[in-house]
């Protein structure tokens, strides 16, 4: 399953400004930290994975991903996807 199929229907948001850092509460799953870097984001996942994800597709500012990870940010919420695992919903 392609990651783009997981995130295509979620609305686009520009809530993160370049260089900004946001922390999202993921309930019992922990927390998600996101720092925007122009056309990509640095992420520390709820499972402690540190990764940099490019905008996907390039040029937009709400969907990021490179297999096996994807992130969608919309209005104070973030969805974290890992291929083969359940998505994690987080709120600011």
PDB file of N, CA and C in Angstrom:
ATOM      1  N   UNK A   1       0.838  -1.173   0.000  1.00  0.00           N
ATOM      2  CA  UNK A   1       0.000   0.000   0.000  1.00  0.00           C
ATOM      3  C   UNK A   1       0.882   1.234   0.000  1.00  0.00           C
ATOM      4  N   UNK A   2       0.623   2.164  -0.890  1.00  0.00           N
ATOM      5  CA  UNK A   2       1.392   3.397  -0.982  1.00  0.00           C
ATOM      6  C   UNK A   2       0.950   4.359   0.110  1.00  0.00           C
ATOM      7  N   UNK A   3       1.901   5.091   0.676  1.00  0.00           N
ATOM      8  CA  UNK A   3       1.574   6.046   1.725  1.00  0.00           C
ATOM      9  C   UNK A   3       0.678   7.153   1.224  1.00  0.00           C
ATOM     10  N   UNK A   4       0.846   7.548  -0.023  1.00  0.00           N
ATOM     11  CA  UNK A   4       0.006   8.636  -0.532  1.00  0.00           C
ATOM     12  C   UNK A   4      -1.464   8.270  -0.478  1.00  0.00           C
ATOM     13  N   UNK A   5      -1.793   7.001  -0.569  1.00  0.00           N
ATOM     14  CA  UNK A   5      -3.173   6.576  -0.456  1.00  0.00           C
ATOM     15  C   UNK A   5      -3.724   6.778   0.945  1.00  0.00           C
ATOM     16  N   UNK A   6      -2.862   6.826   1.945  1.00  0.00           N
ATOM     17  CA  UNK A   6      -3.301   7.030   3.324  1.00  0.00           C
ATOM     18  C   UNK A   6      -3.671   8.476   3.600  1.00  0.00           C
ATOM     19  N   UNK A   7      -3.092   9.413   2.879  1.00  0.00           N
ATOM     20  CA  UNK A   7      -3.217  10.810   3.264  1.00  0.00           C
ATOM     21  C   UNK A   7      -3.892  11.691   2.232  1.00  0.00           C
ATOM     22  N   UNK A   8      -4.275  11.180   1.095  1.00  0.00           N
ATOM     23  CA  UNK A   8      -4.768  12.013   0.000  1.00  0.00           C
ATOM     24  C   UNK A   8      -6.047  12.773   0.319  1.00  0.00           C
ATOM     25  N   UNK A   9      -6.927  12.244   1.156  1.00  0.00           N
ATOM     26  CA  UNK A   9      -8.214  12.898   1.381  1.00  0.00           C
ATOM     27  C   UNK A   9      -8.221  13.852   2.566  1.00  0.00           C
ATOM     28  N   UNK A  10      -7.097  14.071   3.224  1.00  0.00           N
ATOM     29  CA  UNK A  10      -7.072  14.933   4.399  1.00  0.00           C
ATOM     30  C   UNK A  10      -6.769  16.363   3.975  1.00  0.00           C
ATOM     31  N   UNK A  11      -7.518  17.358   4.492  1.00  0.00           N
ATOM     32  CA  UNK A  11      -7.346  18.746   4.076  1.00  0.00           C
ATOM     33  C   UNK A  11      -5.944  19.278   4.342  1.00  0.00           C
ATOM     34  N   UNK A  12      -5.512  20.187   3.500  1.00  0.00           N
ATOM     35  CA  UNK A  12      -4.193  20.795   3.611  1.00  0.00           C
ATOM     36  C   UNK A  12      -4.259  21.980   4.557  1.00  0.00           C
ATOM     37  N   UNK A  13      -3.236  22.133   5.390  1.00  0.00           N
ATOM     38  CA  UNK A  13      -3.156  23.240   6.328  1.00  0.00           C
ATOM     39  C   UNK A  13      -1.758  23.838   6.277  1.00  0.00           C
ATOM     40  N   UNK A  14      -1.630  25.099   6.624  1.00  0.00           N
ATOM     41  CA  UNK A  14      -0.310  25.745   6.683  1.00  0.00           C
ATOM     42  C   UNK A  14      -0.025  26.200   8.106  1.00  0.00           C
ATOM     43  N   UNK A  15      -0.407  25.413   9.090  1.00  0.00           N
ATOM     44  CA  UNK A  15      -0.307  25.864  10.469  1.00  0.00           C
ATOM     45  C   UNK A  15       1.117  25.960  10.996  1.00  0.00           C
ATOM     46  N   UNK A  16       2.071  25.255  10.435  1.00  0.00           N
ATOM     47  CA  UNK A  16       3.454  25.338  10.903  1.00  0.00           C
ATOM     48  C   UNK A  16       4.223  26.355  10.082  1.00  0.00           C
ATOM     49  N   UNK A  17       4.842  27.318  10.720  1.00  0.00           N
ATOM     50  CA  UNK A  17       5.715  28.246  10.024  1.00  0.00           C
ATOM     51  C   UNK A  17       7.109  27.660   9.944  1.00  0.00           C
ATOM     52  N   UNK A  18       7.915  28.100   8.989  1.00  0.00           N
ATOM     53  CA  UNK A  18       9.260  27.575   8.816  1.00  0.00           C
ATOM     54  C   UNK A  18      10.080  27.772  10.087  1.00  0.00           C
ATOM     55  N   UNK A  19      10.739  26.715  10.540  1.00  0.00           N
ATOM     56  CA  UNK A  19      11.565  26.756  11.731  1.00  0.00           C
ATOM     57  C   UNK A  19      10.789  26.563  13.021  1.00  0.00           C
ATOM     58  N   UNK A  20       9.472  26.532  12.959  1.00  0.00           N
ATOM     59  CA  UNK A  20       8.674  26.386  14.178  1.00  0.00           C
ATOM     60  C   UNK A  20       8.700  24.946  14.670  1.00  0.00           C
ATOM     61  N   UNK A  21       8.508  24.787  15.963  1.00  0.00           N
ATOM     62  CA  UNK A  21       8.460  23.467  16.577  1.00  0.00           C
ATOM     63  C   UNK A  21       7.123  23.320  17.275  1.00  0.00           C
ATOM     64  N   UNK A  22       6.456  22.200  17.035  1.00  0.00           N
ATOM     65  CA  UNK A  22       5.165  21.920  17.652  1.00  0.00           C
ATOM     66  C   UNK A  22       5.212  20.562  18.323  1.00  0.00           C
ATOM     67  N   UNK A  23       4.569  20.471  19.478  1.00  0.00           N
ATOM     68  CA  UNK A  23       4.479  19.208  20.203  1.00  0.00           C
ATOM     69  C   UNK A  23       3.002  18.820  20.254  1.00  0.00           C
ATOM     70  N   UNK A  24       2.726  17.580  19.900  1.00  0.00           N
ATOM     71  CA  UNK A  24       1.370  17.049  19.860  1.00  0.00           C
ATOM     72  C   UNK A  24       1.231  15.932  20.888  1.00  0.00           C
ATOM     73  N   UNK A  25       0.124  15.923  21.618  1.00  0.00           N
ATOM     74  CA  UNK A  25      -0.178  14.895  22.596  1.00  0.00           C
ATOM     75  C   UNK A  25      -0.903  13.755  21.886  1.00  0.00           C
ATOM     76  N   UNK A  26      -0.376  12.560  22.012  1.00  0.00           N
ATOM     77  CA  UNK A  26      -0.947  11.398  21.343  1.00  0.00           C
ATOM     78  C   UNK A  26      -1.598  10.444  22.346  1.00  0.00           C
ATOM     79  N   UNK A  27      -2.067  10.985  23.462  1.00  0.00           N
ATOM     80  CA  UNK A  27      -2.727  10.164  24.474  1.00  0.00           C
ATOM     81  C   UNK A  27      -1.794   9.115  25.044  1.00  0.00           C
ATOM     82  N   UNK A  28      -2.265   7.902  25.161  1.00  0.00           N
ATOM     83  CA  UNK A  28      -1.460   6.819  25.741  1.00  0.00           C
ATOM     84  C   UNK A  28      -0.292   6.416  24.841  1.00  0.00           C
ATOM     85  N   UNK A  29      -0.280   6.912  23.587  1.00  0.00           N
ATOM     86  CA  UNK A  29       0.829   6.604  22.683  1.00  0.00           C
ATOM     87  C   UNK A  29       2.036   7.520  22.903  1.00  0.00           C
ATOM     88  N   UNK A  30       1.903   8.565  23.727  1.00  0.00           N
ATOM     89  CA  UNK A  30       3.025   9.466  23.992  1.00  0.00           C
ATOM     90  C   UNK A  30       2.838  10.803  23.320  1.00  0.00           C
ATOM     91  N   UNK A  31       3.914  11.326  22.724  1.00  0.00           N
ATOM     92  CA  UNK A  31       3.811  12.611  22.039  1.00  0.00           C
ATOM     93  C   UNK A  31       4.632  12.611  20.761  1.00  0.00           C
ATOM     94  N   UNK A  32       4.306  13.547  19.902  1.00  0.00           N
ATOM     95  CA  UNK A  32       4.926  13.699  18.591  1.00  0.00           C
ATOM     96  C   UNK A  32       5.492  15.114  18.536  1.00  0.00           C
ATOM     97  N   UNK A  33       6.758  15.247  18.157  1.00  0.00           N
ATOM     98  CA  UNK A  33       7.382  16.562  18.020  1.00  0.00           C
ATOM     99  C   UNK A  33       7.702  16.791  16.551  1.00  0.00           C
ATOM    100  N   UNK A  34       7.328  17.972  16.050  1.00  0.00           N
ATOM    101  CA  UNK A  34       7.517  18.305  14.636  1.00  0.00           C
ATOM    102  C   UNK A  34       8.207  19.661  14.540  1.00  0.00           C
ATOM    103  N   UNK A  35       9.262  19.732  13.729  1.00  0.00           N
ATOM    104  CA  UNK A  35       9.930  21.005  13.444  1.00  0.00           C
ATOM    105  C   UNK A  35       9.987  21.174  11.940  1.00  0.00           C
ATOM    106  N   UNK A  36       9.415  22.256  11.452  1.00  0.00           N
ATOM    107  CA  UNK A  36       9.365  22.504  10.009  1.00  0.00           C
ATOM    108  C   UNK A  36      10.658  23.145   9.529  1.00  0.00           C
ATOM    109  N   UNK A  37      11.149  22.648   8.401  1.00  0.00           N
ATOM    110  CA  UNK A  37      12.388  23.142   7.797  1.00  0.00           C
ATOM    111  C   UNK A  37      12.143  23.407   6.317  1.00  0.00           C
ATOM    112  N   UNK A  38      11.429  24.459   5.977  1.00  0.00           N
ATOM    113  CA  UNK A  38      11.142  24.735   4.570  1.00  0.00           C
ATOM    114  C   UNK A  38      10.269  23.649   3.986  1.00  0.00           C
ATOM    115  N   UNK A  39      10.803  22.877   3.043  1.00  0.00           N
ATOM    116  CA  UNK A  39      10.035  21.841   2.362  1.00  0.00           C
ATOM    117  C   UNK A  39      10.089  20.480   3.021  1.00  0.00           C
ATOM    118  N   UNK A  40      10.490  20.436   4.296  1.00  0.00           N
ATOM    119  CA  UNK A  40      10.530  19.161   5.008  1.00  0.00           C
ATOM    120  C   UNK A  40      10.251  19.406   6.490  1.00  0.00           C
ATOM    121  N   UNK A  41      10.112  18.319   7.240  1.00  0.00           N
ATOM    122  CA  UNK A  41       9.943  18.404   8.688  1.00  0.00           C
ATOM    123  C   UNK A  41      10.851  17.394   9.369  1.00  0.00           C
ATOM    124  N   UNK A  42      11.361  17.774  10.537  1.00  0.00           N
ATOM    125  CA  UNK A  42      12.030  16.821  11.419  1.00  0.00           C
ATOM    126  C   UNK A  42      10.982  16.343  12.406  1.00  0.00           C
ATOM    127  N   UNK A  43      10.920  15.031  12.608  1.00  0.00           N
ATOM    128  CA  UNK A  43       9.899  14.433  13.457  1.00  0.00           C
ATOM    129  C   UNK A  43      10.553  13.537  14.497  1.00  0.00           C
ATOM    130  N   UNK A  44      10.059  13.629  15.729  1.00  0.00           N
ATOM    131  CA  UNK A  44      10.332  12.610  16.742  1.00  0.00           C
ATOM    132  C   UNK A  44       8.979  11.961  16.999  1.00  0.00           C
ATOM    133  N   UNK A  45       8.841  10.721  16.591  1.00  0.00           N
ATOM    134  CA  UNK A  45       7.554  10.020  16.637  1.00  0.00           C
ATOM    135  C   UNK A  45       7.189   9.614  18.060  1.00  0.00           C
ATOM    136  N   UNK A  46       5.936   9.232  18.277  1.00  0.00           N
ATOM    137  CA  UNK A  46       5.532   8.736  19.598  1.00  0.00           C
ATOM    138  C   UNK A  46       6.326   7.508  20.036  1.00  0.00           C
ATOM    139  N   UNK A  47       6.882   6.789  19.098  1.00  0.00           N
ATOM    140  CA  UNK A  47       7.688   5.602  19.421  1.00  0.00           C
ATOM    141  C   UNK A  47       9.178   5.921  19.534  1.00  0.00           C
ATOM    142  N   UNK A  48       9.514   7.238  19.460  1.00  0.00           N
ATOM    143  CA  UNK A  48      10.902   7.671  19.631  1.00  0.00           C
ATOM    144  C   UNK A  48      11.748   7.664  18.371  1.00  0.00           C
ATOM    145  N   UNK A  49      11.149   7.420  17.216  1.00  0.00           N
ATOM    146  CA  UNK A  49      11.877   7.419  15.949  1.00  0.00           C
ATOM    147  C   UNK A  49      12.140   8.868  15.537  1.00  0.00           C
ATOM    148  N   UNK A  50      13.387   9.194  15.207  1.00  0.00           N
ATOM    149  CA  UNK A  50      13.733  10.515  14.697  1.00  0.00           C
ATOM    150  C   UNK A  50      13.962  10.393  13.196  1.00  0.00           C
ATOM    151  N   UNK A  51      13.264  11.246  12.420  1.00  0.00           N
ATOM    152  CA  UNK A  51      13.388  11.176  10.970  1.00  0.00           C
ATOM    153  C   UNK A  51      13.087  12.529  10.348  1.00  0.00           C
ATOM    154  N   UNK A  52      13.579  12.747   9.152  1.00  0.00           N
ATOM    155  CA  UNK A  52      13.248  13.942   8.365  1.00  0.00           C
ATOM    156  C   UNK A  52      12.383  13.488   7.198  1.00  0.00           C
ATOM    157  N   UNK A  53      11.232  14.150   7.025  1.00  0.00           N
ATOM    158  CA  UNK A  53      10.303  13.791   5.961  1.00  0.00           C
ATOM    159  C   UNK A  53      10.128  14.965   5.008  1.00  0.00           C
ATOM    160  N   UNK A  54      10.223  14.721   3.697  1.00  0.00           N
ATOM    161  CA  UNK A  54       9.968  15.783   2.719  1.00  0.00           C
ATOM    162  C   UNK A  54       8.468  15.980   2.512  1.00  0.00           C
ATOM    163  N   UNK A  55       8.100  17.181   2.036  1.00  0.00           N
ATOM    164  CA  UNK A  55       6.702  17.425   1.658  1.00  0.00           C
ATOM    165  C   UNK A  55       6.324  16.415   0.577  1.00  0.00           C
ATOM    166  N   UNK A  56       5.101  15.900   0.672  1.00  0.00           N
ATOM    167  CA  UNK A  56       4.667  14.878  -0.279  1.00  0.00           C
ATOM    168  C   UNK A  56       3.195  15.094  -0.622  1.00  0.00           C
ATOM    169  N   UNK A  57       2.925  15.673  -1.800  1.00  0.00           N
ATOM    170  CA  UNK A  57       3.835  16.017  -2.892  1.00  0.00           C
ATOM    171  C   UNK A  57       4.621  17.294  -2.580  1.00  0.00           C
ATOM    172  N   UNK A  58       5.732  17.487  -3.287  1.00  0.00           N
ATOM    173  CA  UNK A  58       6.562  18.670  -3.063  1.00  0.00           C
ATOM    174  C   UNK A  58       5.756  19.961  -3.227  1.00  0.00           C
ATOM    175  N   UNK A  59       6.095  20.959  -2.404  1.00  0.00           N
ATOM    176  CA  UNK A  59       5.483  22.264  -2.534  1.00  0.00           C
ATOM    177  C   UNK A  59       4.276  22.509  -1.654  1.00  0.00           C
ATOM    178  N   UNK A  60       3.756  21.512  -0.974  1.00  0.00           N
ATOM    179  CA  UNK A  60       2.623  21.731  -0.083  1.00  0.00           C
ATOM    180  C   UNK A  60       3.111  21.681   1.359  1.00  0.00           C
ATOM    181  N   UNK A  61       2.242  22.008   2.309  1.00  0.00           N
ATOM    182  CA  UNK A  61       2.725  22.174   3.683  1.00  0.00           C
ATOM    183  C   UNK A  61       1.899  21.442   4.747  1.00  0.00           C
ATOM    184  N   UNK A  62       1.255  20.370   4.381  1.00  0.00           N
ATOM    185  CA  UNK A  62       0.486  19.613   5.376  1.00  0.00           C
ATOM    186  C   UNK A  62       0.781  18.122   5.340  1.00  0.00           C
ATOM    187  N   UNK A  63       1.271  17.620   4.236  1.00  0.00           N
ATOM    188  CA  UNK A  63       1.527  16.186   4.089  1.00  0.00           C
ATOM    189  C   UNK A  63       3.012  15.974   3.832  1.00  0.00           C
ATOM    190  N   UNK A  64       3.579  15.073   4.611  1.00  0.00           N
ATOM    191  CA  UNK A  64       5.008  14.776   4.511  1.00  0.00           C
ATOM    192  C   UNK A  64       5.176  13.273   4.523  1.00  0.00           C
ATOM    193  N   UNK A  65       6.160  12.767   3.818  1.00  0.00           N
ATOM    194  CA  UNK A  65       6.358  11.335   3.894  1.00  0.00           C
ATOM    195  C   UNK A  65       7.448  10.809   3.009  1.00  0.00           C
ATOM    196  N   UNK A  66       7.979   9.721   3.447  1.00  0.00           N
ATOM    197  CA  UNK A  66       8.888   8.882   2.697  1.00  0.00           C
ATOM    198  C   UNK A  66       8.781   7.501   3.346  1.00  0.00           C
ATOM    199  N   UNK A  67       8.598   6.454   2.550  1.00  0.00           N
ATOM    200  CA  UNK A  67       8.379   5.132   3.135  1.00  0.00           C
ATOM    201  C   UNK A  67       9.450   4.784   4.169  1.00  0.00           C
ATOM    202  N   UNK A  68       9.022   4.259   5.295  1.00  0.00           N
ATOM    203  CA  UNK A  68       7.701   3.774   5.674  1.00  0.00           C
ATOM    204  C   UNK A  68       6.866   4.770   6.488  1.00  0.00           C
ATOM    205  N   UNK A  69       7.265   6.071   6.511  1.00  0.00           N
ATOM    206  CA  UNK A  69       6.594   7.051   7.374  1.00  0.00           C
ATOM    207  C   UNK A  69       5.799   8.081   6.586  1.00  0.00           C
ATOM    208  N   UNK A  70       4.721   8.592   7.222  1.00  0.00           N
ATOM    209  CA  UNK A  70       3.960   9.714   6.670  1.00  0.00           C
ATOM    210  C   UNK A  70       3.374  10.509   7.826  1.00  0.00           C
ATOM    211  N   UNK A  71       3.235  11.815   7.608  1.00  0.00           N
ATOM    212  CA  UNK A  71       2.676  12.719   8.606  1.00  0.00           C
ATOM    213  C   UNK A  71       1.714  13.664   7.911  1.00  0.00           C
ATOM    214  N   UNK A  72       0.539  13.862   8.514  1.00  0.00           N
ATOM    215  CA  UNK A  72      -0.442  14.816   8.012  1.00  0.00           C
ATOM    216  C   UNK A  72      -0.768  15.768   9.153  1.00  0.00           C
ATOM    217  N   UNK A  73      -0.670  17.070   8.886  1.00  0.00           N
ATOM    218  CA  UNK A  73      -0.942  18.096   9.894  1.00  0.00           C
ATOM    219  C   UNK A  73      -2.147  18.897   9.436  1.00  0.00           C
ATOM    220  N   UNK A  74      -3.134  19.065  10.333  1.00  0.00           N
ATOM    221  CA  UNK A  74      -4.322  19.835   9.990  1.00  0.00           C
ATOM    222  C   UNK A  74      -4.959  20.424  11.238  1.00  0.00           C
ATOM    223  N   UNK A  75      -5.035  21.742  11.304  1.00  0.00           N
ATOM    224  CA  UNK A  75      -5.752  22.461  12.366  1.00  0.00           C
ATOM    225  C   UNK A  75      -5.528  21.916  13.772  1.00  0.00           C
ATOM    226  N   UNK A  76      -4.312  21.891  14.239  1.00  0.00           N
ATOM    227  CA  UNK A  76      -4.031  21.461  15.605  1.00  0.00           C
ATOM    228  C   UNK A  76      -3.983  19.966  15.811  1.00  0.00           C
ATOM    229  N   UNK A  77      -4.097  19.212  14.737  1.00  0.00           N
ATOM    230  CA  UNK A  77      -4.017  17.761  14.830  1.00  0.00           C
ATOM    231  C   UNK A  77      -2.936  17.237  13.896  1.00  0.00           C
ATOM    232  N   UNK A  78      -2.368  16.119  14.272  1.00  0.00           N
ATOM    233  CA  UNK A  78      -1.375  15.452  13.438  1.00  0.00           C
ATOM    234  C   UNK A  78      -1.687  13.967  13.415  1.00  0.00           C
ATOM    235  N   UNK A  79      -1.583  13.373  12.239  1.00  0.00           N
ATOM    236  CA  UNK A  79      -1.734  11.924  12.094  1.00  0.00           C
ATOM    237  C   UNK A  79      -0.383  11.358  11.680  1.00  0.00           C
ATOM    238  N   UNK A  80       0.090  10.386  12.428  1.00  0.00           N
ATOM    239  CA  UNK A  80       1.377   9.752  12.177  1.00  0.00           C
ATOM    240  C   UNK A  80       1.126   8.351  11.643  1.00  0.00           C
ATOM    241  N   UNK A  81       1.694   8.061  10.469  1.00  0.00           N
ATOM    242  CA  UNK A  81       1.511   6.767   9.817  1.00  0.00           C
ATOM    243  C   UNK A  81       2.849   6.054   9.694  1.00  0.00           C
ATOM    244  N   UNK A  82       2.829   4.759   9.974  1.00  0.00           N
ATOM    245  CA  UNK A  82       3.966   3.886   9.721  1.00  0.00           C
ATOM    246  C   UNK A  82       3.393   2.680   8.992  1.00  0.00           C
ATOM    247  N   UNK A  83       3.957   2.362   7.842  1.00  0.00           N
ATOM    248  CA  UNK A  83       3.472   1.229   7.063  1.00  0.00           C
ATOM    249  C   UNK A  83       3.400  -0.022   7.939  1.00  0.00           C
ATOM    250  N   UNK A  84       2.248  -0.688   7.915  1.00  0.00           N
ATOM    251  CA  UNK A  84       2.064  -1.930   8.663  1.00  0.00           C
ATOM    252  C   UNK A  84       1.617  -1.748  10.103  1.00  0.00           C
ATOM    253  N   UNK A  85       1.503  -0.491  10.569  1.00  0.00           N
ATOM    254  CA  UNK A  85       1.062  -0.228  11.945  1.00  0.00           C
ATOM    255  C   UNK A  85      -0.189   0.648  11.909  1.00  0.00           C
ATOM    256  N   UNK A  86      -0.918   0.698  12.995  1.00  0.00           N
ATOM    257  CA  UNK A  86      -2.112   1.546  13.061  1.00  0.00           C
ATOM    258  C   UNK A  86      -1.676   3.016  13.104  1.00  0.00           C
ATOM    259  N   UNK A  87      -2.418   3.915  12.467  1.00  0.00           N
ATOM    260  CA  UNK A  87      -2.103   5.348  12.537  1.00  0.00           C
ATOM    261  C   UNK A  87      -2.279   5.859  13.968  1.00  0.00           C
ATOM    262  N   UNK A  88      -1.519   6.880  14.312  1.00  0.00           N
ATOM    263  CA  UNK A  88      -1.612   7.496  15.644  1.00  0.00           C
ATOM    264  C   UNK A  88      -2.110   8.919  15.459  1.00  0.00           C
ATOM    265  N   UNK A  89      -3.217   9.244  16.129  1.00  0.00           N
ATOM    266  CA  UNK A  89      -3.802  10.586  16.077  1.00  0.00           C
ATOM    267  C   UNK A  89      -3.328  11.385  17.275  1.00  0.00           C
ATOM    268  N   UNK A  90      -2.879  12.622  17.002  1.00  0.00           N
ATOM    269  CA  UNK A  90      -2.319  13.462  18.062  1.00  0.00           C
ATOM    270  C   UNK A  90      -2.932  14.863  17.966  1.00  0.00           C
ATOM    271  N   UNK A  91      -2.992  15.565  19.123  1.00  0.00           N
ATOM    272  CA  UNK A  91      -3.532  16.926  19.170  1.00  0.00           C
ATOM    273  C   UNK A  91      -2.560  17.845  19.887  1.00  0.00           C
ATOM    274  N   UNK A  92      -2.584  19.114  19.467  1.00  0.00           N
ATOM    275  CA  UNK A  92      -1.741  20.104  20.140  1.00  0.00           C
ATOM    276  C   UNK A  92      -2.301  20.500  21.457  1.00  0.00           C
TER     277      UNK A  92
END
